[in-house]
N, C-alpha and C. Protein backbone atom coordinates (compact mmCIF):
# COMPACT_ATOMS: atom_id res chain seq x y z
N UNK A 1 -68.54 -144.43 -80.32
CA UNK A 1 -67.97 -143.14 -80.00
C UNK A 1 -66.75 -143.30 -79.12
N UNK A 2 -65.78 -142.46 -79.29
CA UNK A 2 -64.63 -142.44 -78.40
C UNK A 2 -63.58 -143.49 -78.71
N UNK A 3 -63.52 -143.99 -79.90
CA UNK A 3 -62.48 -144.96 -80.23
C UNK A 3 -61.17 -144.26 -80.52
N UNK A 4 -60.08 -144.89 -80.14
CA UNK A 4 -58.74 -144.38 -80.44
C UNK A 4 -58.36 -144.80 -81.84
N UNK A 5 -57.64 -143.97 -82.54
CA UNK A 5 -57.13 -144.34 -83.85
C UNK A 5 -55.64 -144.53 -83.76
N UNK A 6 -55.17 -145.67 -84.19
CA UNK A 6 -53.75 -145.97 -84.12
C UNK A 6 -53.24 -146.18 -85.54
N UNK A 7 -52.18 -145.52 -85.87
CA UNK A 7 -51.58 -145.63 -87.20
C UNK A 7 -50.38 -146.56 -87.10
N UNK A 8 -50.31 -147.56 -87.95
CA UNK A 8 -49.14 -148.44 -87.99
C UNK A 8 -47.95 -147.62 -88.46
N UNK A 9 -46.80 -147.82 -87.84
CA UNK A 9 -45.64 -147.04 -88.25
C UNK A 9 -44.54 -147.95 -88.79
N UNK A 10 -43.74 -147.39 -89.68
CA UNK A 10 -42.64 -148.10 -90.30
C UNK A 10 -41.41 -147.21 -90.29
N UNK A 11 -40.24 -147.80 -90.39
CA UNK A 11 -39.03 -146.99 -90.49
C UNK A 11 -38.34 -147.29 -91.81
N UNK A 12 -37.65 -146.28 -92.33
CA UNK A 12 -36.92 -146.43 -93.58
C UNK A 12 -35.43 -146.34 -93.25
N UNK A 13 -34.71 -147.39 -93.56
CA UNK A 13 -33.28 -147.42 -93.26
C UNK A 13 -32.47 -147.17 -94.53
N UNK A 14 -31.31 -146.62 -94.35
CA UNK A 14 -30.44 -146.35 -95.49
C UNK A 14 -29.28 -147.33 -95.46
N UNK A 15 -28.99 -147.94 -96.63
CA UNK A 15 -27.83 -148.81 -96.69
C UNK A 15 -27.03 -148.53 -97.95
N UNK A 16 -25.79 -148.23 -97.73
CA UNK A 16 -24.82 -148.07 -98.82
C UNK A 16 -25.33 -147.30 -100.01
N UNK A 17 -24.98 -147.80 -101.22
CA UNK A 17 -25.42 -147.17 -102.46
C UNK A 17 -26.81 -147.68 -102.81
N UNK A 18 -27.52 -146.90 -103.52
CA UNK A 18 -28.84 -147.33 -103.97
C UNK A 18 -29.85 -146.22 -103.85
N UNK A 19 -31.11 -146.63 -104.01
CA UNK A 19 -32.20 -145.66 -104.06
C UNK A 19 -32.34 -144.84 -102.79
N UNK A 20 -32.01 -145.43 -101.63
CA UNK A 20 -32.16 -144.72 -100.37
C UNK A 20 -30.99 -143.80 -100.06
N UNK A 21 -30.02 -143.75 -100.93
CA UNK A 21 -28.86 -142.90 -100.71
C UNK A 21 -29.17 -141.43 -101.03
N UNK A 22 -30.17 -141.19 -101.84
CA UNK A 22 -30.56 -139.85 -102.25
C UNK A 22 -31.61 -139.32 -101.26
N UNK A 23 -31.39 -138.12 -100.70
CA UNK A 23 -32.27 -137.53 -99.69
C UNK A 23 -33.70 -137.36 -100.23
N UNK A 24 -33.84 -136.93 -101.46
CA UNK A 24 -35.17 -136.74 -102.05
C UNK A 24 -35.91 -138.06 -102.11
N UNK A 25 -35.22 -139.11 -102.52
CA UNK A 25 -35.85 -140.43 -102.57
C UNK A 25 -36.27 -140.89 -101.18
N UNK A 26 -35.44 -140.64 -100.17
CA UNK A 26 -35.78 -141.01 -98.80
C UNK A 26 -37.06 -140.32 -98.36
N UNK A 27 -37.16 -139.02 -98.64
CA UNK A 27 -38.34 -138.25 -98.24
C UNK A 27 -39.58 -138.76 -98.95
N UNK A 28 -39.48 -138.98 -100.26
CA UNK A 28 -40.63 -139.47 -101.03
C UNK A 28 -41.07 -140.84 -100.53
N UNK A 29 -40.13 -141.73 -100.30
CA UNK A 29 -40.46 -143.08 -99.84
C UNK A 29 -41.05 -143.02 -98.43
N UNK A 30 -40.47 -142.22 -97.57
CA UNK A 30 -40.98 -142.09 -96.20
C UNK A 30 -42.41 -141.56 -96.21
N UNK A 31 -42.67 -140.53 -97.00
CA UNK A 31 -44.04 -139.99 -97.09
C UNK A 31 -45.01 -141.02 -97.64
N UNK A 32 -44.59 -141.75 -98.65
CA UNK A 32 -45.44 -142.79 -99.22
C UNK A 32 -45.78 -143.85 -98.17
N UNK A 33 -44.77 -144.31 -97.43
CA UNK A 33 -44.99 -145.33 -96.41
C UNK A 33 -45.92 -144.81 -95.33
N UNK A 34 -45.68 -143.60 -94.84
CA UNK A 34 -46.52 -143.04 -93.79
C UNK A 34 -47.95 -142.85 -94.26
N UNK A 35 -48.14 -142.28 -95.42
CA UNK A 35 -49.49 -142.02 -95.92
C UNK A 35 -50.24 -143.31 -96.25
N UNK A 36 -49.54 -144.27 -96.81
CA UNK A 36 -50.23 -145.52 -97.15
C UNK A 36 -50.55 -146.33 -95.89
N UNK A 37 -49.68 -146.29 -94.88
CA UNK A 37 -49.96 -147.06 -93.67
C UNK A 37 -51.04 -146.39 -92.83
N UNK A 38 -51.14 -145.06 -92.88
CA UNK A 38 -52.16 -144.36 -92.11
C UNK A 38 -53.53 -144.46 -92.75
N UNK A 39 -53.57 -144.89 -94.00
CA UNK A 39 -54.88 -145.07 -94.62
C UNK A 39 -55.57 -146.30 -94.05
N UNK A 40 -54.80 -147.16 -93.40
CA UNK A 40 -55.36 -148.35 -92.77
C UNK A 40 -55.43 -148.14 -91.26
N UNK A 41 -56.21 -147.16 -90.84
CA UNK A 41 -56.32 -146.85 -89.42
C UNK A 41 -57.05 -147.99 -88.70
N UNK A 42 -56.58 -148.26 -87.50
CA UNK A 42 -57.16 -149.32 -86.69
C UNK A 42 -57.91 -148.67 -85.54
N UNK A 43 -59.17 -149.02 -85.37
CA UNK A 43 -59.93 -148.47 -84.26
C UNK A 43 -59.77 -149.39 -83.05
N UNK A 44 -59.48 -148.77 -81.90
CA UNK A 44 -59.30 -149.51 -80.67
C UNK A 44 -60.35 -149.04 -79.67
N UNK A 45 -61.13 -149.96 -79.16
CA UNK A 45 -62.12 -149.63 -78.15
C UNK A 45 -61.41 -149.14 -76.88
N UNK A 46 -61.79 -147.99 -76.33
CA UNK A 46 -61.12 -147.46 -75.14
C UNK A 46 -61.16 -148.39 -73.93
N UNK A 47 -62.24 -149.12 -73.75
CA UNK A 47 -62.31 -150.05 -72.61
C UNK A 47 -61.33 -151.20 -72.82
N UNK A 48 -61.24 -151.70 -74.04
CA UNK A 48 -60.25 -152.75 -74.34
C UNK A 48 -58.84 -152.22 -74.14
N UNK A 49 -58.61 -150.99 -74.56
CA UNK A 49 -57.31 -150.34 -74.36
C UNK A 49 -56.99 -150.28 -72.86
N UNK A 50 -57.98 -149.89 -72.05
CA UNK A 50 -57.79 -149.80 -70.59
C UNK A 50 -57.49 -151.18 -70.01
N UNK A 51 -58.23 -152.20 -70.46
CA UNK A 51 -57.98 -153.57 -70.00
C UNK A 51 -56.56 -154.00 -70.32
N UNK A 52 -56.10 -153.70 -71.55
CA UNK A 52 -54.74 -154.04 -71.95
C UNK A 52 -53.71 -153.28 -71.13
N UNK A 53 -54.01 -152.02 -70.78
CA UNK A 53 -53.10 -151.21 -69.97
C UNK A 53 -52.95 -151.78 -68.57
N UNK A 54 -54.04 -152.31 -68.04
CA UNK A 54 -54.00 -152.92 -66.71
C UNK A 54 -53.30 -154.26 -66.78
N UNK A 55 -53.66 -155.05 -67.77
CA UNK A 55 -53.05 -156.36 -67.96
C UNK A 55 -53.87 -157.48 -67.34
N UNK A 56 -53.87 -158.62 -67.99
CA UNK A 56 -54.63 -159.78 -67.51
C UNK A 56 -54.15 -160.25 -66.14
N UNK A 57 -52.89 -160.02 -65.88
CA UNK A 57 -52.31 -160.44 -64.60
C UNK A 57 -52.98 -159.74 -63.42
N UNK A 58 -53.40 -158.49 -63.62
CA UNK A 58 -53.93 -157.68 -62.53
C UNK A 58 -55.45 -157.49 -62.56
N UNK A 59 -56.05 -157.42 -63.74
CA UNK A 59 -57.48 -157.12 -63.84
C UNK A 59 -58.33 -158.27 -63.34
N UNK A 60 -59.21 -157.98 -62.39
CA UNK A 60 -60.12 -158.99 -61.86
C UNK A 60 -61.49 -158.86 -62.51
N UNK A 61 -62.02 -157.63 -62.49
CA UNK A 61 -63.34 -157.39 -63.09
C UNK A 61 -63.56 -155.90 -63.28
N UNK A 62 -64.60 -155.59 -64.05
CA UNK A 62 -64.99 -154.21 -64.28
C UNK A 62 -66.47 -154.07 -63.95
N UNK A 63 -66.80 -153.07 -63.16
CA UNK A 63 -68.20 -152.73 -62.91
C UNK A 63 -68.51 -151.57 -63.85
N UNK A 64 -69.11 -151.90 -65.00
CA UNK A 64 -69.37 -150.88 -66.00
C UNK A 64 -70.40 -149.86 -65.55
N UNK A 65 -71.38 -150.27 -64.73
CA UNK A 65 -72.39 -149.32 -64.28
C UNK A 65 -71.80 -148.24 -63.37
N UNK A 66 -70.77 -148.61 -62.61
CA UNK A 66 -70.11 -147.64 -61.72
C UNK A 66 -68.78 -147.14 -62.28
N UNK A 67 -68.42 -147.64 -63.46
CA UNK A 67 -67.17 -147.25 -64.14
C UNK A 67 -65.94 -147.50 -63.25
N UNK A 68 -65.89 -148.68 -62.66
CA UNK A 68 -64.82 -149.03 -61.73
C UNK A 68 -64.11 -150.30 -62.17
N UNK A 69 -62.76 -150.22 -62.15
CA UNK A 69 -61.90 -151.37 -62.42
C UNK A 69 -61.46 -151.96 -61.08
N UNK A 70 -61.53 -153.26 -60.95
CA UNK A 70 -61.03 -153.96 -59.77
C UNK A 70 -59.78 -154.72 -60.18
N UNK A 71 -58.68 -154.44 -59.52
CA UNK A 71 -57.43 -155.10 -59.87
C UNK A 71 -56.75 -155.64 -58.62
N UNK A 72 -55.76 -156.49 -58.84
CA UNK A 72 -54.97 -157.02 -57.71
C UNK A 72 -53.50 -156.70 -57.93
N UNK A 73 -52.85 -156.47 -56.83
CA UNK A 73 -51.39 -156.38 -56.76
C UNK A 73 -51.05 -157.00 -55.41
N UNK A 74 -50.51 -158.19 -55.44
CA UNK A 74 -50.23 -158.89 -54.19
C UNK A 74 -49.41 -158.02 -53.25
N UNK A 75 -48.35 -157.43 -53.77
CA UNK A 75 -47.53 -156.47 -53.03
C UNK A 75 -47.67 -155.14 -53.76
N UNK A 76 -48.28 -154.18 -53.13
CA UNK A 76 -48.56 -152.91 -53.79
C UNK A 76 -47.27 -152.25 -54.28
N UNK A 77 -47.23 -151.99 -55.57
CA UNK A 77 -46.12 -151.27 -56.20
C UNK A 77 -46.70 -149.94 -56.68
N UNK A 78 -46.50 -148.89 -55.89
CA UNK A 78 -47.14 -147.60 -56.15
C UNK A 78 -46.71 -147.01 -57.49
N UNK A 79 -45.43 -147.10 -57.85
CA UNK A 79 -44.98 -146.55 -59.13
C UNK A 79 -45.61 -147.28 -60.31
N UNK A 80 -45.68 -148.60 -60.22
CA UNK A 80 -46.32 -149.37 -61.29
C UNK A 80 -47.81 -149.04 -61.36
N UNK A 81 -48.45 -148.88 -60.22
CA UNK A 81 -49.86 -148.52 -60.17
C UNK A 81 -50.09 -147.15 -60.79
N UNK A 82 -49.24 -146.20 -60.52
CA UNK A 82 -49.37 -144.86 -61.11
C UNK A 82 -49.23 -144.92 -62.63
N UNK A 83 -48.34 -145.76 -63.12
CA UNK A 83 -48.16 -145.93 -64.56
C UNK A 83 -49.44 -146.52 -65.17
N UNK A 84 -50.02 -147.52 -64.51
CA UNK A 84 -51.28 -148.12 -64.98
C UNK A 84 -52.38 -147.07 -65.03
N UNK A 85 -52.48 -146.26 -63.97
CA UNK A 85 -53.51 -145.21 -63.90
C UNK A 85 -53.34 -144.21 -65.04
N UNK A 86 -52.12 -143.78 -65.28
CA UNK A 86 -51.87 -142.83 -66.39
C UNK A 86 -52.27 -143.44 -67.74
N UNK A 87 -51.90 -144.69 -67.95
CA UNK A 87 -52.21 -145.36 -69.21
C UNK A 87 -53.71 -145.55 -69.40
N UNK A 88 -54.40 -145.95 -68.34
CA UNK A 88 -55.86 -146.09 -68.42
C UNK A 88 -56.49 -144.73 -68.70
N UNK A 89 -55.99 -143.69 -68.06
CA UNK A 89 -56.49 -142.34 -68.30
C UNK A 89 -56.34 -141.92 -69.75
N UNK A 90 -55.20 -142.28 -70.36
CA UNK A 90 -55.00 -141.97 -71.78
C UNK A 90 -56.00 -142.72 -72.66
N UNK A 91 -56.22 -143.99 -72.31
CA UNK A 91 -57.17 -144.79 -73.09
C UNK A 91 -58.58 -144.20 -73.04
N UNK A 92 -58.95 -143.68 -71.89
CA UNK A 92 -60.32 -143.22 -71.69
C UNK A 92 -60.49 -141.71 -71.89
N UNK A 93 -59.43 -141.03 -72.33
CA UNK A 93 -59.46 -139.57 -72.40
C UNK A 93 -60.54 -139.00 -73.33
N UNK A 94 -60.95 -139.75 -74.35
CA UNK A 94 -61.99 -139.27 -75.27
C UNK A 94 -63.23 -140.16 -75.23
N UNK A 95 -63.39 -140.86 -74.14
CA UNK A 95 -64.51 -141.79 -73.97
C UNK A 95 -65.51 -141.19 -72.98
N UNK A 96 -66.70 -141.74 -72.95
CA UNK A 96 -67.71 -141.24 -72.01
C UNK A 96 -67.29 -141.45 -70.55
N UNK A 97 -66.32 -142.34 -70.31
CA UNK A 97 -65.82 -142.56 -68.95
C UNK A 97 -64.77 -141.53 -68.54
N UNK A 98 -64.34 -140.70 -69.43
CA UNK A 98 -63.28 -139.74 -69.14
C UNK A 98 -63.61 -138.93 -67.89
N UNK A 99 -62.67 -138.91 -66.95
CA UNK A 99 -62.81 -138.19 -65.67
C UNK A 99 -64.01 -138.67 -64.86
N UNK A 100 -64.44 -139.91 -65.10
CA UNK A 100 -65.58 -140.48 -64.36
C UNK A 100 -65.30 -141.89 -63.84
N UNK A 101 -64.10 -142.41 -64.06
CA UNK A 101 -63.80 -143.78 -63.73
C UNK A 101 -63.00 -143.86 -62.42
N UNK A 102 -62.99 -145.06 -61.86
CA UNK A 102 -62.21 -145.29 -60.65
C UNK A 102 -61.59 -146.68 -60.71
N UNK A 103 -60.69 -146.91 -59.79
CA UNK A 103 -59.94 -148.17 -59.77
C UNK A 103 -59.72 -148.56 -58.32
N UNK A 104 -59.99 -149.80 -57.98
CA UNK A 104 -59.75 -150.32 -56.64
C UNK A 104 -58.72 -151.43 -56.72
N UNK A 105 -57.76 -151.40 -55.80
CA UNK A 105 -56.66 -152.37 -55.80
C UNK A 105 -56.74 -153.23 -54.54
N UNK A 106 -56.71 -154.54 -54.75
CA UNK A 106 -56.78 -155.48 -53.63
C UNK A 106 -55.57 -156.42 -53.67
N UNK A 107 -55.25 -156.97 -52.52
CA UNK A 107 -54.11 -157.87 -52.41
C UNK A 107 -54.42 -159.26 -52.97
N UNK A 108 -55.69 -159.61 -53.06
CA UNK A 108 -56.10 -160.94 -53.53
C UNK A 108 -57.40 -160.79 -54.31
N UNK A 109 -57.53 -161.54 -55.39
CA UNK A 109 -58.73 -161.39 -56.23
C UNK A 109 -60.01 -161.79 -55.50
N UNK A 110 -59.92 -162.64 -54.50
CA UNK A 110 -61.13 -163.03 -53.76
C UNK A 110 -61.71 -161.84 -52.98
N UNK A 111 -60.90 -160.83 -52.72
CA UNK A 111 -61.35 -159.65 -51.97
C UNK A 111 -61.87 -158.54 -52.88
N UNK A 112 -61.64 -158.66 -54.19
CA UNK A 112 -61.97 -157.59 -55.13
C UNK A 112 -63.48 -157.44 -55.30
N UNK A 113 -63.99 -156.38 -54.70
CA UNK A 113 -65.41 -156.09 -54.79
C UNK A 113 -65.79 -155.03 -53.78
N UNK A 114 -67.05 -154.63 -53.83
CA UNK A 114 -67.56 -153.64 -52.88
C UNK A 114 -67.77 -154.30 -51.52
N UNK A 115 -67.67 -153.51 -50.46
CA UNK A 115 -67.75 -154.07 -49.11
C UNK A 115 -69.06 -154.80 -48.83
N UNK A 116 -70.13 -154.43 -49.54
CA UNK A 116 -71.41 -155.09 -49.31
C UNK A 116 -71.74 -156.18 -50.34
N UNK A 117 -70.78 -156.53 -51.20
CA UNK A 117 -70.99 -157.64 -52.14
C UNK A 117 -71.10 -158.94 -51.36
N UNK A 118 -72.08 -159.78 -51.70
CA UNK A 118 -72.27 -161.05 -50.96
C UNK A 118 -71.02 -161.92 -50.89
N UNK A 119 -70.23 -161.97 -51.98
CA UNK A 119 -69.03 -162.82 -51.97
C UNK A 119 -67.89 -162.21 -51.16
N UNK A 120 -68.03 -160.94 -50.75
CA UNK A 120 -66.97 -160.24 -50.02
C UNK A 120 -67.28 -160.15 -48.52
N UNK A 121 -68.55 -160.17 -48.17
CA UNK A 121 -68.96 -159.97 -46.77
C UNK A 121 -68.26 -160.93 -45.81
N UNK A 122 -68.08 -162.16 -46.22
CA UNK A 122 -67.43 -163.15 -45.34
C UNK A 122 -65.98 -162.77 -44.99
N UNK A 123 -65.37 -161.86 -45.78
CA UNK A 123 -63.99 -161.46 -45.52
C UNK A 123 -63.89 -160.25 -44.59
N UNK A 124 -65.05 -159.82 -44.04
CA UNK A 124 -65.02 -158.71 -43.07
C UNK A 124 -64.55 -159.21 -41.70
N UNK A 125 -64.80 -160.48 -41.43
CA UNK A 125 -64.33 -161.06 -40.17
C UNK A 125 -62.80 -160.99 -40.16
N UNK A 126 -62.23 -160.60 -39.08
CA UNK A 126 -60.77 -160.45 -38.92
C UNK A 126 -60.20 -159.35 -39.83
N UNK A 127 -61.08 -158.50 -40.37
CA UNK A 127 -60.68 -157.35 -41.19
C UNK A 127 -59.84 -157.73 -42.41
N UNK A 128 -60.02 -158.93 -42.95
CA UNK A 128 -59.25 -159.37 -44.12
C UNK A 128 -59.52 -158.46 -45.32
N UNK A 129 -60.80 -158.12 -45.56
CA UNK A 129 -61.14 -157.25 -46.69
C UNK A 129 -60.55 -155.86 -46.48
N UNK A 130 -60.69 -155.33 -45.28
CA UNK A 130 -60.17 -153.99 -44.97
C UNK A 130 -58.67 -153.92 -45.18
N UNK A 131 -57.95 -154.89 -44.69
CA UNK A 131 -56.48 -154.91 -44.82
C UNK A 131 -56.05 -155.22 -46.26
N UNK A 132 -56.88 -155.94 -46.99
CA UNK A 132 -56.54 -156.31 -48.35
C UNK A 132 -56.90 -155.25 -49.38
N UNK A 133 -57.62 -154.21 -48.95
CA UNK A 133 -57.99 -153.11 -49.84
C UNK A 133 -56.81 -152.14 -49.84
N UNK A 134 -55.93 -152.26 -50.82
CA UNK A 134 -54.64 -151.58 -50.82
C UNK A 134 -54.67 -150.14 -51.32
N UNK A 135 -55.51 -149.87 -52.30
CA UNK A 135 -55.50 -148.52 -52.89
C UNK A 135 -56.78 -148.27 -53.67
N UNK A 136 -57.03 -146.98 -53.88
CA UNK A 136 -58.19 -146.56 -54.67
C UNK A 136 -57.81 -145.30 -55.44
N UNK A 137 -58.20 -145.27 -56.70
CA UNK A 137 -57.98 -144.07 -57.51
C UNK A 137 -59.32 -143.59 -58.03
N UNK A 138 -59.53 -142.28 -57.97
CA UNK A 138 -60.75 -141.66 -58.46
C UNK A 138 -60.35 -140.61 -59.49
N UNK A 139 -60.76 -140.81 -60.75
CA UNK A 139 -60.35 -139.88 -61.81
C UNK A 139 -61.04 -138.52 -61.70
N UNK A 140 -62.16 -138.45 -61.01
CA UNK A 140 -62.85 -137.17 -60.82
C UNK A 140 -61.96 -136.22 -60.01
N UNK A 141 -61.43 -136.73 -58.90
CA UNK A 141 -60.57 -135.90 -58.04
C UNK A 141 -59.11 -136.00 -58.44
N UNK A 142 -58.75 -137.08 -59.16
CA UNK A 142 -57.36 -137.30 -59.53
C UNK A 142 -56.51 -137.76 -58.36
N UNK A 143 -57.15 -138.29 -57.32
CA UNK A 143 -56.41 -138.70 -56.12
C UNK A 143 -56.24 -140.21 -56.05
N UNK A 144 -55.04 -140.60 -55.66
CA UNK A 144 -54.73 -142.00 -55.37
C UNK A 144 -54.65 -142.11 -53.85
N UNK A 145 -55.48 -142.96 -53.28
CA UNK A 145 -55.49 -143.13 -51.83
C UNK A 145 -54.99 -144.52 -51.51
N UNK A 146 -53.93 -144.59 -50.74
CA UNK A 146 -53.36 -145.86 -50.30
C UNK A 146 -54.05 -146.27 -49.00
N UNK A 147 -54.31 -147.56 -48.84
CA UNK A 147 -55.01 -148.08 -47.67
C UNK A 147 -56.28 -147.27 -47.38
N UNK A 148 -57.22 -147.21 -48.32
CA UNK A 148 -58.36 -146.31 -48.20
C UNK A 148 -59.29 -146.55 -47.01
N UNK A 149 -59.30 -147.76 -46.45
CA UNK A 149 -60.19 -148.04 -45.33
C UNK A 149 -59.42 -148.09 -44.01
N UNK A 150 -58.27 -148.72 -44.03
CA UNK A 150 -57.53 -148.98 -42.79
C UNK A 150 -56.78 -147.76 -42.29
N UNK A 151 -55.86 -147.22 -43.07
CA UNK A 151 -55.07 -146.03 -42.72
C UNK A 151 -54.88 -145.21 -43.99
N UNK A 152 -55.90 -144.41 -44.38
CA UNK A 152 -55.83 -143.68 -45.65
C UNK A 152 -54.64 -142.72 -45.74
N UNK A 153 -54.00 -142.73 -46.91
CA UNK A 153 -52.89 -141.82 -47.17
C UNK A 153 -52.94 -141.46 -48.66
N UNK A 154 -52.99 -140.17 -48.95
CA UNK A 154 -53.07 -139.72 -50.34
C UNK A 154 -51.70 -139.67 -50.96
N UNK A 155 -51.60 -140.12 -52.20
CA UNK A 155 -50.35 -140.08 -52.94
C UNK A 155 -50.55 -139.27 -54.21
N UNK A 156 -49.58 -138.44 -54.55
CA UNK A 156 -49.66 -137.64 -55.77
C UNK A 156 -49.31 -138.49 -56.98
N UNK A 157 -49.94 -138.18 -58.11
CA UNK A 157 -49.70 -138.95 -59.34
C UNK A 157 -48.54 -138.46 -60.17
N UNK A 158 -47.93 -137.37 -59.91
CA UNK A 158 -46.83 -136.76 -60.66
C UNK A 158 -46.29 -137.58 -61.79
């Protein structure tokens, strides 16, 4: 349930004299190409789509039970993060995760996790985890919170 359907697209170019010079022929050929290519619809899993939207460079892990993506951005780029959030939202718009997912952004992948995760607890000393928790997005509220633990600041997604 909730798979995206993507239609392969093609363009028809016109060159000089020939079959594509006639407008009727262009329309017929264009319709044929569109209809024949759309008969081969490709189903894309929304979670895979979301993973691709985030990118291997940033995605650390996914907690499917809590519907949360953990990502890293060494230096927080808010505009790039907003673009990722919008794209993930599009991927999940018809999925069971729609308006139920969240995303946590950390400065280093070793910090990516919940504050009580055993592999993260050791980073509470000297507030490394707190300072490395750069942002959080919650699709239920639609809010992006920068520095959610240390100095929270809400940013609009516009």
